[in-house]
C-alpha cells in the first residue's frame, strides 16, 4: 500500500497510465519515483520504451494494462482515442475500478465515456490538469478532479505522486469546466507574454533582462515565467504543448463559451496568432512560438539572421540596423 499525505487515505501501489505523450510520460515517471508500480501503454513504441527506461512496465495493449490495474489514468489526444480506450477497459471488468480522465476534451465526450464505464461497474473522474509539459516533469501540476468524492479520496495518493496540488471541484464535469476557464487564461497570457517580449525587443531591451525584471513585478504571470525562457532564447523546439494540439483546446473553449452565450473578446483576439503559427509551419513547436509570429509582424529578424549592430549603436541595444 502507498500512504498518502493524509494518513486516512491509502490505495494499491499499482497504477496504469494510458497515453504516454508529453503529459502521460511525465506523470508516469513521477509516479515511479513516488514508489508506485506503473504499467503503461501508448501506440508509439518509443514512448513505451521510455516508460521502461524510467522504471515502469510497458505493455502492447490497453487491455494488458487494464487487466493489472484498478486505477487507470488516461492522457489522450482525442475523443476518438478516449472512446477506443473506454471500450477496451469496459471489456476488462475489475471490481473497484476507477478511471482518472485527465485529457482536455469536450464535456459531451467525457459524459459518454463515464456512462460506458458505469455499465461495466467502473467509476470515472473527470480530472483535467493545470500545467504545461515542463511543469508536469517537475510535478508542478494541479488536478481539477470532479465526480464521486469517494473515488477522489481513493485516488488522492496517486495525485500526490504526480501533482503539486489537487482539488475536488464538485460534480462530474466541473473539472472540464474549470480547465476550460484556466486554458482561456493560458491562451491570453501566453500571447500577452509574447507581445511584451516583442515590444521589449523593438524598444532595444535585452529579453533576458526583461524576463528577470518584469517577472519579479506586477506584470508577470505564470505563462510569462514558464514560456518566457523559450521566448528569450527564440527556441520553441522542446514543445511542452504543441501548437497543433493546442488548436484542439482553442476550439473546445470557443464552442463552450459560445454555447453559454459568454463574450470572450480577449480570447478571440488571441486565436488568430495561434492560427498564424500553424500557417507558418510551427504546428509541432511549443505554443510559445506565437512570439515568433509577433516578431515577424514587428519586422524583427530571427536570431542568427539579424544584421550586425551599427557602430553608432551600443552593442546590447538589440535593435536591427
Protein backbone atom coordinates (compact mmCIF):
# COMPACT_ATOMS: atom_id res chain seq x y z
CA UNK A 1 0.00 0.00 0.00
CA UNK A 2 1.11 3.54 -0.71
CA UNK A 3 0.44 6.05 2.05
CA UNK A 4 -0.80 9.47 1.03
CA UNK A 5 -0.07 12.73 2.82
CA UNK A 6 -3.33 12.21 4.65
CA UNK A 7 -2.97 9.14 6.89
CA UNK A 8 -6.58 8.09 6.23
CA UNK A 9 -6.13 7.64 2.50
CA UNK A 10 -4.47 4.59 1.02
CA UNK A 11 -4.57 2.90 -2.37
CA UNK A 12 -2.92 -0.02 -4.08
CA UNK A 13 0.55 0.85 -5.28
CA UNK A 14 -0.19 -0.27 -8.86
CA UNK A 15 -1.32 2.38 -11.34
CA UNK A 16 -1.98 2.18 -15.07
CA UNK A 17 -1.31 5.08 -17.40
CA UNK A 18 -2.87 5.05 -20.87
CA UNK A 19 -1.27 7.60 -23.18
CA UNK A 20 2.43 8.30 -22.69
CA UNK A 21 2.81 11.57 -24.56
CA UNK A 22 4.18 14.79 -23.10
CA UNK A 23 1.92 14.72 -20.04
CA UNK A 24 1.45 10.98 -19.62
CA UNK A 25 5.17 10.23 -19.73
CA UNK A 26 5.90 12.90 -17.12
CA UNK A 27 3.15 11.64 -14.81
CA UNK A 28 4.36 8.06 -15.19
CA UNK A 29 7.97 8.94 -14.37
CA UNK A 30 6.91 10.88 -11.28
CA UNK A 31 4.66 8.05 -10.10
CA UNK A 32 7.58 5.63 -10.44
CA UNK A 33 9.74 8.00 -8.37
CA UNK A 34 6.95 8.18 -5.78
CA UNK A 35 7.11 4.42 -5.33
CA UNK A 36 4.21 3.26 -7.49
CA UNK A 37 4.36 0.26 -9.77
CA UNK A 38 3.38 1.85 -13.08
CA UNK A 39 2.00 -0.09 -16.03
CA UNK A 40 1.50 1.86 -19.23
CA UNK A 41 0.50 1.82 -22.87
CA UNK A 42 0.91 4.09 -25.87
CA UNK A 43 0.50 3.40 -29.57
CA UNK A 44 4.04 4.75 -30.13
CA UNK A 45 6.70 2.13 -29.36
CA UNK A 46 9.34 4.74 -28.48
CA UNK A 47 7.12 6.04 -25.69
CA UNK A 48 6.70 2.55 -24.30
CA UNK A 49 10.48 2.16 -24.31
CA UNK A 50 10.80 5.48 -22.48
CA UNK A 51 8.45 4.18 -19.77
CA UNK A 52 10.64 1.12 -19.33
CA UNK A 53 13.72 3.33 -19.09
CA UNK A 54 12.06 5.31 -16.28
CA UNK A 55 11.33 2.15 -14.31
CA UNK A 56 7.78 1.47 -15.45
CA UNK A 57 6.24 -1.56 -17.14
CA UNK A 58 5.14 -1.01 -20.76
CA UNK A 59 2.51 -3.19 -22.43
CA UNK A 60 1.44 -3.73 -26.01
CA UNK A 61 -2.30 -3.21 -25.48
CA UNK A 62 -4.70 -1.19 -23.35
CA UNK A 63 -6.25 -4.46 -22.22
CA UNK A 64 -2.96 -5.68 -20.77
CA UNK A 65 -2.78 -2.58 -18.57
CA UNK A 66 -6.45 -2.72 -17.60
CA UNK A 67 -6.12 -6.36 -16.52
CA UNK A 68 -3.42 -5.40 -14.00
CA UNK A 69 -4.62 -2.11 -12.50
CA UNK A 70 -7.62 -0.95 -10.50
CA UNK A 71 -6.73 2.70 -11.02
CA UNK A 72 -6.14 3.90 -14.57
CA UNK A 73 -5.00 7.39 -15.58
CA UNK A 74 -5.78 8.37 -19.17
CA UNK A 75 -3.98 11.16 -21.03
CA UNK A 76 -5.27 11.10 -24.60
CA UNK A 77 -5.13 13.35 -27.67
CA UNK A 78 -8.70 13.00 -28.96
CA UNK A 79 -12.26 11.95 -28.26
CA UNK A 80 -11.83 9.01 -30.65
CA UNK A 81 -8.87 7.77 -28.62
CA UNK A 82 -10.88 8.05 -25.39
CA UNK A 83 -13.79 6.15 -26.89
CA UNK A 84 -11.50 3.34 -28.03
CA UNK A 85 -9.75 3.10 -24.66
CA UNK A 86 -13.01 3.13 -22.70
CA UNK A 87 -14.45 0.40 -24.89
CA UNK A 88 -11.46 -1.81 -24.11
CA UNK A 89 -11.40 -1.01 -20.39
CA UNK A 90 -15.12 -1.71 -20.09
CA UNK A 91 -14.46 -5.15 -21.52
CA UNK A 92 -11.98 -5.89 -18.70
CA UNK A 93 -14.24 -5.72 -15.68
CA UNK A 94 -12.41 -5.27 -12.41
CA UNK A 95 -14.02 -4.66 -9.04
CA UNK A 96 -13.42 -1.16 -7.70
CA UNK A 97 -12.06 0.23 -10.96
CA UNK A 98 -11.51 4.00 -11.13
CA UNK A 99 -10.58 5.73 -14.37
CA UNK A 100 -9.00 9.16 -13.92
CA UNK A 101 -9.51 11.01 -17.21
CA UNK A 102 -7.03 13.92 -17.45
CA UNK A 103 -7.35 14.92 -21.12
CA UNK A 104 -8.78 18.21 -22.36
CA UNK A 105 -11.89 17.09 -24.24
CA UNK A 106 -15.49 18.23 -24.52
CA UNK A 107 -17.97 17.59 -21.74
CA UNK A 108 -20.11 15.56 -24.11
CA UNK A 109 -17.25 13.19 -24.89
CA UNK A 110 -16.39 12.76 -21.22
CA UNK A 111 -20.00 12.10 -20.23
CA UNK A 112 -20.28 9.43 -22.93
CA UNK A 113 -17.15 7.76 -21.55
CA UNK A 114 -18.49 7.95 -17.99
CA UNK A 115 -21.74 6.26 -18.99
CA UNK A 116 -19.97 3.48 -20.85
CA UNK A 117 -17.68 2.76 -17.90
CA UNK A 118 -20.60 2.81 -15.47
CA UNK A 119 -22.20 -0.08 -17.36
CA UNK A 120 -19.04 -2.06 -16.56
CA UNK A 121 -19.15 -1.11 -12.88
CA UNK A 122 -16.28 1.40 -13.07
CA UNK A 123 -16.21 4.92 -11.63
CA UNK A 124 -14.75 7.77 -13.63
CA UNK A 125 -13.28 11.06 -12.51
CA UNK A 126 -13.20 14.00 -14.88
CA UNK A 127 -9.81 15.33 -13.77
CA UNK A 128 -8.05 17.68 -16.20
CA UNK A 129 -4.64 19.09 -15.33
CA UNK A 130 -3.42 22.64 -15.00
CA UNK A 131 0.18 22.94 -16.16
CA UNK A 132 2.47 22.52 -19.13
CA UNK A 133 4.59 19.53 -20.05
CA UNK A 134 7.59 21.21 -18.45
CA UNK A 135 5.64 21.66 -15.23
CA UNK A 136 4.49 18.03 -15.41
CA UNK A 137 8.12 16.88 -15.42
CA UNK A 138 8.78 18.70 -12.15
CA UNK A 139 5.48 17.59 -10.54
CA UNK A 140 4.18 21.16 -10.74
CA UNK A 141 0.66 20.24 -11.83
CA UNK A 142 -2.72 20.97 -10.29
CA UNK A 143 -5.54 18.43 -10.70
CA UNK A 144 -9.14 19.64 -11.14
CA UNK A 145 -10.95 16.44 -10.13
CA UNK A 146 -14.71 16.11 -10.40
CA UNK A 147 -17.02 13.18 -9.84
CA UNK A 148 -17.64 10.77 -6.94
CA UNK A 149 -15.90 12.05 -3.83
CA UNK A 150 -15.19 8.51 -2.69
CA UNK A 151 -13.28 7.83 -5.91
CA UNK A 152 -11.43 11.13 -5.49
CA UNK A 153 -10.32 10.21 -1.95
CA UNK A 154 -9.14 6.84 -3.18
CA UNK A 155 -7.07 8.42 -5.95
CA UNK A 156 -5.64 11.23 -3.81
CA UNK A 157 -2.35 9.38 -3.14
CA UNK A 158 -1.93 8.91 -6.90
CA UNK A 159 -2.47 12.65 -7.43
CA UNK A 160 0.13 13.32 -4.74
CA UNK A 161 2.53 11.23 -6.79
CA UNK A 162 2.43 13.38 -9.90
CA UNK A 163 0.91 16.75 -8.92
CA UNK A 164 1.74 19.67 -6.66
CA UNK A 165 -1.90 20.07 -5.62
CA UNK A 166 -5.32 18.60 -6.34
CA UNK A 167 -8.85 19.81 -5.73
CA UNK A 168 -12.24 18.15 -5.75
CA UNK A 169 -14.33 20.70 -7.64
CA UNK A 170 -17.74 19.05 -7.40
CA UNK A 171 -19.97 17.05 -9.70
CA UNK A 172 -18.64 15.23 -12.74
CA UNK A 173 -17.92 17.75 -15.49
CA UNK A 174 -16.85 20.60 -13.23
CA UNK A 175 -13.25 19.55 -13.78
CA UNK A 176 -13.55 20.21 -17.51
CA UNK A 177 -15.40 23.47 -16.91
CA UNK A 178 -12.62 24.61 -14.57
CA UNK A 179 -9.97 23.51 -17.07
CA UNK A 180 -11.58 25.49 -19.91
CA UNK A 181 -11.61 28.61 -17.75
CA UNK A 182 -7.94 28.02 -16.92
CA UNK A 183 -6.99 27.40 -20.56
CA UNK A 184 -8.77 30.55 -21.66
CA UNK A 185 -6.41 32.44 -19.37
CA UNK A 186 -3.41 30.43 -20.61
CA UNK A 187 -4.25 31.29 -24.22
CA UNK A 188 -4.45 35.00 -23.43
CA UNK A 189 -1.47 35.17 -21.05
CA UNK A 190 0.78 33.29 -23.48
CA UNK A 191 0.09 35.77 -26.29
CA UNK A 192 0.35 38.66 -23.83
CA UNK A 193 3.81 37.48 -22.79
CA UNK A 194 4.85 37.17 -26.45
CA UNK A 195 3.54 40.66 -27.14
CA UNK A 196 5.52 42.03 -24.21
CA UNK A 197 8.78 40.41 -25.36
CA UNK A 198 8.19 41.70 -28.89
CA UNK A 199 7.66 45.24 -27.61
CA UNK A 200 10.77 44.92 -25.45
CA UNK A 201 12.89 43.85 -28.42
CA UNK A 202 11.59 46.72 -30.52
CA UNK A 203 12.45 49.07 -27.66
CA UNK A 204 16.02 47.77 -27.57
CA UNK A 205 15.76 45.95 -24.24
CA UNK A 206 17.65 42.74 -23.51
CA UNK A 207 14.98 39.97 -23.43
CA UNK A 208 16.81 38.10 -20.65
CA UNK A 209 16.81 41.23 -18.51
CA UNK A 210 13.12 41.76 -19.28
CA UNK A 211 12.37 38.22 -18.15
CA UNK A 212 14.13 38.71 -14.82
CA UNK A 213 12.82 42.20 -14.09
CA UNK A 214 9.23 42.02 -15.37
CA UNK A 215 8.73 38.55 -13.90
CA UNK A 216 9.56 39.99 -10.49
CA UNK A 217 6.85 42.63 -10.68
CA UNK A 218 3.12 43.07 -11.13
CA UNK A 219 3.32 42.47 -14.89
CA UNK A 220 4.46 38.86 -14.54
CA UNK A 221 2.28 35.78 -14.92
CA UNK A 222 2.72 32.03 -14.71
CA UNK A 223 2.83 31.82 -18.50
CA UNK A 224 5.43 34.60 -18.55
CA UNK A 225 7.53 32.53 -16.14
CA UNK A 226 7.05 29.17 -17.85
CA UNK A 227 7.26 30.17 -21.51
CA UNK A 228 9.40 33.28 -21.12
CA UNK A 229 12.70 31.34 -21.32
CA UNK A 230 11.71 29.94 -24.73
CA UNK A 231 10.77 33.41 -25.93
CA UNK A 232 14.09 34.80 -24.70
CA UNK A 233 16.05 32.02 -26.42
CA UNK A 234 13.79 32.08 -29.51
CA UNK A 235 13.83 28.29 -29.40
CA UNK A 236 10.45 26.57 -29.40
CA UNK A 237 11.58 23.06 -30.36
CA UNK A 238 11.20 21.44 -26.92
CA UNK A 239 7.43 21.56 -27.01
CA UNK A 240 5.55 21.28 -23.73
CA UNK A 241 2.30 21.93 -25.64
CA UNK A 242 2.41 21.75 -29.41
CA UNK A 243 0.60 24.43 -31.39
CA UNK A 244 -1.21 21.79 -33.45
CA UNK A 245 -2.61 20.14 -30.30
CA UNK A 246 -3.45 23.48 -28.71
CA UNK A 247 -5.72 24.23 -31.68
CA UNK A 248 -8.00 21.48 -30.37
CA UNK A 249 -8.13 23.17 -26.96
CA UNK A 250 -8.86 26.54 -28.56
CA UNK A 251 -11.78 25.04 -30.47
CA UNK A 252 -13.25 23.40 -27.36
CA UNK A 253 -13.00 26.64 -25.34
CA UNK A 254 -14.60 28.67 -28.15
CA UNK A 255 -17.50 26.25 -28.55
CA UNK A 256 -18.02 26.05 -24.78
CA UNK A 257 -18.22 29.85 -24.44
CA UNK A 258 -20.48 30.16 -27.50
CA UNK A 259 -22.97 27.63 -26.09
CA UNK A 260 -23.13 29.66 -22.88
CA UNK A 261 -23.53 32.93 -24.78
CA UNK A 262 -20.48 34.31 -22.96
CA UNK A 263 -18.38 37.01 -24.64
CA UNK A 264 -14.63 36.27 -24.76
CA UNK A 265 -13.10 39.21 -26.67
CA UNK A 266 -9.52 38.75 -25.46
CA UNK A 267 -9.59 35.02 -26.15
CA UNK A 268 -10.98 35.72 -29.61
CA UNK A 269 -8.21 38.24 -30.24
CA UNK A 270 -5.55 35.67 -29.32
CA UNK A 271 -6.85 32.95 -31.64
CA UNK A 272 -5.51 34.34 -34.96
CA UNK A 273 -1.96 34.43 -33.54
CA UNK A 274 -2.06 30.67 -32.91
CA UNK A 275 -3.59 30.13 -36.35
CA UNK A 276 -0.74 32.13 -37.87
CA UNK A 277 1.77 29.92 -36.04
CA UNK A 278 0.16 26.89 -37.69
CA UNK A 279 0.15 28.59 -41.08
CA UNK A 280 3.85 29.38 -40.86
CA UNK A 281 4.86 25.78 -40.20
CA UNK A 282 5.18 25.95 -36.41
CA UNK A 283 2.50 23.37 -35.61
CA UNK A 284 4.91 20.97 -33.90
CA UNK A 285 6.62 23.71 -31.88
CA UNK A 286 5.63 24.91 -28.42
CA UNK A 287 2.82 27.45 -28.23
CA UNK A 288 5.45 29.97 -27.10
CA UNK A 289 6.16 30.20 -30.85
CA UNK A 290 3.47 32.87 -31.02
CA UNK A 291 6.36 35.14 -30.03
CA UNK A 292 8.00 34.38 -33.38
CA UNK A 293 4.74 35.23 -35.15
CA UNK A 294 4.51 38.61 -33.43
CA UNK A 295 8.22 39.21 -34.00
CA UNK A 296 7.77 38.68 -37.73
CA UNK A 297 4.79 41.07 -37.72
CA UNK A 298 7.01 43.63 -35.97
CA UNK A 299 9.79 43.20 -38.54
CA UNK A 300 12.23 41.61 -36.11
CA UNK A 301 14.62 39.17 -37.81
CA UNK A 302 15.01 35.82 -36.01
CA UNK A 303 18.18 35.25 -34.01
CA UNK A 304 21.10 34.32 -36.25
CA UNK A 305 19.78 36.39 -39.14
CA UNK A 306 19.89 39.83 -37.63
CA UNK A 307 22.17 42.43 -39.19
CA UNK A 308 25.17 43.46 -37.15
CA UNK A 309 24.66 46.50 -34.97
CA UNK A 310 25.65 49.83 -36.43
CA UNK A 311 28.84 51.39 -34.98
CA UNK A 312 26.60 54.21 -33.78
CA UNK A 313 24.57 51.87 -31.60
CA UNK A 314 25.53 50.23 -28.35
CA UNK A 315 26.20 46.52 -28.88
CA UNK A 316 23.46 45.45 -26.48
CA UNK A 317 20.74 47.61 -28.00
CA UNK A 318 19.09 44.68 -29.78
CA UNK A 319 17.74 47.00 -32.50
CA UNK A 320 18.09 45.99 -36.16
CA UNK A 321 20.11 48.42 -38.27
